[in-house]
């Protein structure tokens, strides 16, 4: 019995210490900030092959759709406060 308990204790110690000592290959600047660029990734992205080159027209479309969405949501909330019932489709 004593041998079994010793083996269980050793196995538990090995399992718990293995997780604590695992190294994932990252160098964290602070807790939770572990992003690292891959080798060869430029320090400055603008003008490199990684530059997304966003189209200002497309960004404007997205901004307009977000403003319209916010306006619709404001109408829905105002209607819900006035009537006490939430209605998704308001005309």
Protein backbone atom coordinates (compact mmCIF):
# COMPACT_ATOMS: atom_id res chain seq x y z
CA UNK A 1 0.00 0.00 0.00
CA UNK A 2 2.81 2.36 0.90
CA UNK A 3 4.51 1.66 -2.42
CA UNK A 4 1.32 2.41 -4.38
CA UNK A 5 0.82 5.71 -2.56
CA UNK A 6 4.43 6.65 -3.23
CA UNK A 7 4.06 5.86 -6.93
CA UNK A 8 0.84 7.89 -7.13
CA UNK A 9 2.51 10.84 -5.40
CA UNK A 10 5.51 10.66 -7.75
CA UNK A 11 3.27 10.45 -10.82
CA UNK A 12 1.21 13.44 -9.64
CA UNK A 13 4.37 15.46 -8.97
CA UNK A 14 5.72 14.64 -12.44
CA UNK A 15 2.48 15.62 -14.16
CA UNK A 16 2.13 18.91 -12.31
CA UNK A 17 5.77 19.93 -12.73
CA UNK A 18 5.76 19.11 -16.44
CA UNK A 19 3.10 21.71 -17.16
CA UNK A 20 4.87 24.35 -15.11
CA UNK A 21 8.22 23.78 -16.77
CA UNK A 22 6.97 23.62 -20.35
CA UNK A 23 8.54 26.16 -22.69
CA UNK A 24 6.48 27.33 -25.62
CA UNK A 25 9.23 29.24 -27.44
CA UNK A 26 7.92 32.76 -26.86
CA UNK A 27 9.60 35.67 -25.17
CA UNK A 28 6.90 37.65 -23.39
CA UNK A 29 7.41 41.39 -22.86
CA UNK A 30 4.89 41.21 -20.02
CA UNK A 31 2.21 38.78 -18.89
CA UNK A 32 -0.19 38.17 -21.78
CA UNK A 33 1.90 40.14 -24.32
CA UNK A 34 3.79 37.34 -26.06
CA UNK A 35 3.45 38.26 -29.73
CA UNK A 36 6.64 37.90 -31.72
CA UNK A 37 7.17 38.57 -35.39
CA UNK A 38 8.33 35.66 -37.47
CA UNK A 39 11.91 35.83 -38.72
CA UNK A 40 12.06 38.06 -41.79
CA UNK A 41 8.98 40.12 -40.87
CA UNK A 42 9.82 43.82 -41.31
CA UNK A 43 9.85 46.28 -38.41
CA UNK A 44 8.05 48.84 -40.59
CA UNK A 45 5.04 47.44 -42.47
CA UNK A 46 4.18 50.44 -44.68
CA UNK A 47 5.64 49.90 -48.14
CA UNK A 48 6.56 46.26 -47.53
CA UNK A 49 4.93 43.21 -49.06
CA UNK A 50 2.88 42.90 -45.83
CA UNK A 51 1.25 46.34 -46.30
CA UNK A 52 -2.51 45.72 -46.78
CA UNK A 53 -2.94 48.92 -48.87
CA UNK A 54 -6.55 49.53 -47.83
CA UNK A 55 -8.74 51.27 -50.37
CA UNK A 56 -10.14 54.52 -48.86
CA UNK A 57 -13.43 54.03 -50.75
CA UNK A 58 -13.97 50.61 -49.18
CA UNK A 59 -13.10 51.96 -45.72
CA UNK A 60 -15.62 54.76 -46.27
CA UNK A 61 -18.30 52.20 -47.18
CA UNK A 62 -17.61 50.28 -44.01
CA UNK A 63 -17.74 53.44 -41.91
CA UNK A 64 -21.09 54.41 -43.49
CA UNK A 65 -22.56 50.97 -42.85
CA UNK A 66 -21.43 51.06 -39.20
CA UNK A 67 -23.05 54.48 -38.74
CA UNK A 68 -26.29 53.17 -40.29
CA UNK A 69 -26.17 50.11 -38.02
CA UNK A 70 -25.71 52.33 -34.95
CA UNK A 71 -28.68 54.47 -36.03
CA UNK A 72 -30.89 51.39 -36.48
CA UNK A 73 -29.85 50.06 -33.09
CA UNK A 74 -30.61 53.42 -31.46
CA UNK A 75 -34.12 53.34 -32.99
CA UNK A 76 -34.65 49.79 -31.71
CA UNK A 77 -33.56 50.71 -28.19
CA UNK A 78 -35.69 53.88 -28.17
CA UNK A 79 -38.70 51.83 -29.31
CA UNK A 80 -38.01 49.16 -26.67
CA UNK A 81 -37.83 51.77 -23.91
CA UNK A 82 -41.06 53.40 -25.10
CA UNK A 83 -43.09 50.22 -25.58
CA UNK A 84 -41.36 47.79 -23.20
CA UNK A 85 -41.05 45.25 -26.01
CA UNK A 86 -38.02 44.79 -28.28
CA UNK A 87 -38.82 44.69 -31.99
CA UNK A 88 -35.96 43.92 -34.37
CA UNK A 89 -37.58 45.02 -37.64
CA UNK A 90 -38.63 48.65 -37.45
CA UNK A 91 -39.74 50.47 -40.59
